[in-house]
Amino acid sequence: MNLDREEWFVALTFGVLIDLDHLFAAPRYIAENGWSAILRPTWDDGSGLQWRSLFHEPMGAFVVAPLSIGWRYFVPLLFWGAHVTLDKLQNATLSYSTPVEASLLAVVCSGIVFVCYRRWGEGRDDVGFGLFLSDISARMRAGMSGYGRSIREHLGSILPGR
């Protein structure tokens, strides 16, 4: 998709990190139903409490769409929409949840790796999956290396006495 660093951050925030709301409901759910209940096809614990936020419903577009317009990015709306669509697909297939989700995840991940491997190998003489993995690993380390320093600098600027 040729996204730059800021667009990837926004994409991951609206496509993946909105699932962090599940972490707030998981301890209550596990305490009342046990660890094995996480693998059940439904997360309805009968408490009537929500275990997911507004961002998991189509109504969340009233928040995401103005942000997309204001930021002049289509990325938040695109990735949030994909997330909500996958949530709806998951709810529609709850009775087949484990095999369907596992199969879908395997197919999608395999497709992503295949496309990335093909792009990486274009124009190279020495192409191998091991080389591909080591190159990806090195790129990830290089890309993340500056984050620790910038976080420490930011925290140092807002913590009292520093």
Protein backbone atom coordinates (compact mmCIF):
# COMPACT_ATOMS: atom_id res chain seq x y z
CA MET A 1 0.00 0.00 0.00
CA ASN A 2 3.07 2.24 0.10
CA LEU A 3 2.17 3.73 3.47
CA ASP A 4 4.70 5.91 5.23
CA ARG A 5 5.54 5.59 8.92
CA GLU A 6 2.74 7.89 10.14
CA GLU A 7 0.15 6.19 7.94
CA TRP A 8 1.21 2.78 9.26
CA PHE A 9 0.82 4.06 12.81
CA VAL A 10 -2.70 5.30 12.05
CA ALA A 11 -3.54 2.07 10.20
CA LEU A 12 -2.40 -0.11 13.10
CA THR A 13 -4.19 2.10 15.62
CA PHE A 14 -7.55 1.92 13.86
CA GLY A 15 -7.17 -1.60 12.50
CA VAL A 16 -5.54 -3.47 15.38
CA LEU A 17 -5.13 -1.44 18.57
CA ILE A 18 -8.87 -0.85 18.91
CA ASP A 19 -8.95 -4.43 20.18
CA LEU A 20 -7.17 -3.33 23.36
CA ASP A 21 -10.62 -2.73 24.85
CA HIS A 22 -10.95 -6.51 25.16
CA LEU A 23 -8.12 -6.47 27.70
CA PHE A 24 -10.31 -4.49 30.10
CA ALA A 25 -13.13 -7.04 29.94
CA ALA A 26 -10.98 -10.19 29.81
CA PRO A 27 -10.02 -10.31 33.55
CA ARG A 28 -13.68 -10.13 34.62
CA TYR A 29 -14.68 -12.71 32.01
CA ILE A 30 -11.87 -15.11 32.96
CA ALA A 31 -12.55 -14.69 36.69
CA GLU A 32 -16.22 -15.56 36.24
CA ASN A 33 -15.91 -18.24 33.53
CA GLY A 34 -12.36 -19.65 33.63
CA TRP A 35 -9.54 -19.63 31.09
CA SER A 36 -11.13 -22.29 28.89
CA ALA A 37 -14.11 -19.99 28.29
CA ILE A 38 -11.94 -17.81 26.03
CA LEU A 39 -12.02 -20.57 23.41
CA ARG A 40 -15.82 -20.81 23.43
CA PRO A 41 -17.58 -19.49 20.33
CA THR A 42 -19.21 -16.67 22.32
CA TRP A 43 -17.92 -14.24 24.89
CA ASP A 44 -21.34 -13.60 26.39
CA ASP A 45 -20.82 -14.06 30.12
CA GLY A 46 -24.41 -13.16 30.99
CA SER A 47 -23.38 -10.08 32.99
CA GLY A 48 -24.90 -7.67 30.50
CA LEU A 49 -21.69 -5.64 30.55
CA GLN A 50 -20.11 -4.65 27.26
CA TRP A 51 -16.80 -6.31 26.48
CA ARG A 52 -16.08 -4.17 23.46
CA SER A 53 -16.25 -0.48 22.71
CA LEU A 54 -18.24 1.61 20.26
CA PHE A 55 -15.40 1.30 17.76
CA HIS A 56 -16.49 -2.30 17.09
CA GLU A 57 -19.88 -1.22 15.80
CA PRO A 58 -20.79 0.54 12.54
CA MET A 59 -21.88 3.49 14.69
CA GLY A 60 -18.17 4.09 15.37
CA ALA A 61 -18.06 5.66 11.90
CA PHE A 62 -19.45 8.81 13.53
CA VAL A 63 -16.09 9.11 15.30
CA VAL A 64 -13.72 7.66 12.69
CA ALA A 65 -15.13 9.42 9.60
CA PRO A 66 -14.71 12.97 10.97
CA LEU A 67 -11.17 12.07 12.08
CA SER A 68 -10.40 10.78 8.59
CA ILE A 69 -11.79 13.94 7.02
CA GLY A 70 -9.99 16.20 9.48
CA TRP A 71 -6.68 14.43 9.02
CA ARG A 72 -7.22 14.17 5.27
CA TYR A 73 -6.41 10.48 5.55
CA PHE A 74 -8.51 7.67 4.18
CA VAL A 75 -6.34 5.22 6.12
CA PRO A 76 -8.23 5.33 9.49
CA LEU A 77 -11.58 4.77 7.82
CA LEU A 78 -10.20 2.02 5.58
CA PHE A 79 -8.54 0.02 8.34
CA TRP A 80 -11.31 0.60 10.88
CA GLY A 81 -13.85 -0.51 8.26
CA ALA A 82 -11.84 -3.67 7.57
CA HIS A 83 -11.70 -4.38 11.31
CA VAL A 84 -15.46 -3.93 11.77
CA THR A 85 -16.15 -6.05 8.67
CA LEU A 86 -13.98 -8.85 10.04
CA ASP A 87 -15.76 -8.58 13.41
CA LYS A 88 -19.12 -8.93 11.63
CA LEU A 89 -17.79 -11.91 9.65
CA GLN A 90 -16.61 -13.46 12.90
CA ASN A 91 -20.03 -12.98 14.51
CA ALA A 92 -21.74 -14.48 11.46
CA THR A 93 -19.55 -17.59 11.68
CA LEU A 94 -19.46 -18.04 15.47
CA SER A 95 -20.79 -21.58 15.31
CA TYR A 96 -17.79 -22.50 13.15
CA SER A 97 -15.51 -20.07 14.92
CA THR A 98 -12.34 -21.99 15.62
CA PRO A 99 -11.86 -23.78 12.27
CA VAL A 100 -13.02 -20.83 10.16
CA GLU A 101 -10.91 -18.28 12.03
CA ALA A 102 -7.86 -20.52 12.04
CA SER A 103 -8.24 -21.20 8.31
CA LEU A 104 -8.84 -17.54 7.46
CA LEU A 105 -5.87 -16.47 9.56
CA ALA A 106 -3.62 -19.08 7.95
CA VAL A 107 -4.69 -18.12 4.42
CA VAL A 108 -4.34 -14.37 5.03
CA CYS A 109 -0.96 -14.69 6.74
CA SER A 110 0.32 -17.03 4.02
CA GLY A 111 -0.86 -14.60 1.36
CA ILE A 112 0.82 -11.65 3.03
CA VAL A 113 4.10 -13.54 3.42
CA PHE A 114 3.90 -14.76 -0.20
CA VAL A 115 3.32 -11.24 -1.58
CA CYS A 116 6.08 -9.75 0.57
CA TYR A 117 8.49 -12.53 -0.41
CA ARG A 118 7.75 -12.06 -4.11
CA ARG A 119 8.28 -8.28 -3.88
CA TRP A 120 11.46 -8.75 -1.88
CA GLY A 121 12.85 -11.27 -4.36
CA GLU A 122 12.27 -9.17 -7.48
CA GLY A 123 15.57 -8.23 -9.09
CA ARG A 124 17.71 -10.28 -6.67
CA ASP A 125 20.07 -13.02 -7.68
CA ASP A 126 20.28 -14.75 -4.30
CA VAL A 127 16.71 -15.45 -3.21
CA GLY A 128 15.93 -17.72 -0.31
CA PHE A 129 13.31 -17.75 2.41
CA GLY A 130 15.98 -17.72 5.13
CA LEU A 131 17.56 -14.61 3.59
CA PHE A 132 14.11 -13.03 3.39
CA LEU A 133 13.43 -13.68 7.08
CA SER A 134 16.82 -12.35 8.18
CA ASP A 135 16.34 -9.22 6.04
CA ILE A 136 12.87 -8.61 7.51
CA SER A 137 14.24 -9.13 11.01
CA ALA A 138 17.07 -6.65 10.41
CA ARG A 139 14.65 -4.08 8.98
CA MET A 140 12.33 -4.41 11.96
CA ARG A 141 15.19 -3.96 14.43
CA ALA A 142 16.45 -0.92 12.51
CA GLY A 143 12.99 0.58 12.31
CA MET A 144 12.30 0.08 16.01
CA SER A 145 15.71 1.16 17.27
CA GLY A 146 14.80 4.82 17.54
CA TYR A 147 11.56 4.24 19.44
CA GLY A 148 13.16 3.39 22.79
CA ARG A 149 15.24 6.56 22.81
CA SER A 150 12.35 8.81 21.76
CA ILE A 151 10.06 7.29 24.39
CA ARG A 152 12.67 7.80 27.11
CA GLU A 153 13.20 11.39 25.96
CA HIS A 154 9.46 12.04 25.95
CA LEU A 155 8.97 10.49 29.37
CA GLY A 156 11.93 12.46 30.68
CA SER A 157 10.33 15.68 29.51
CA ILE A 158 7.01 15.01 31.25
CA LEU A 159 8.16 13.28 34.46
CA PRO A 160 8.67 15.64 37.41
CA GLY A 161 12.20 16.15 38.65
CA ARG A 162 13.88 15.29 35.33
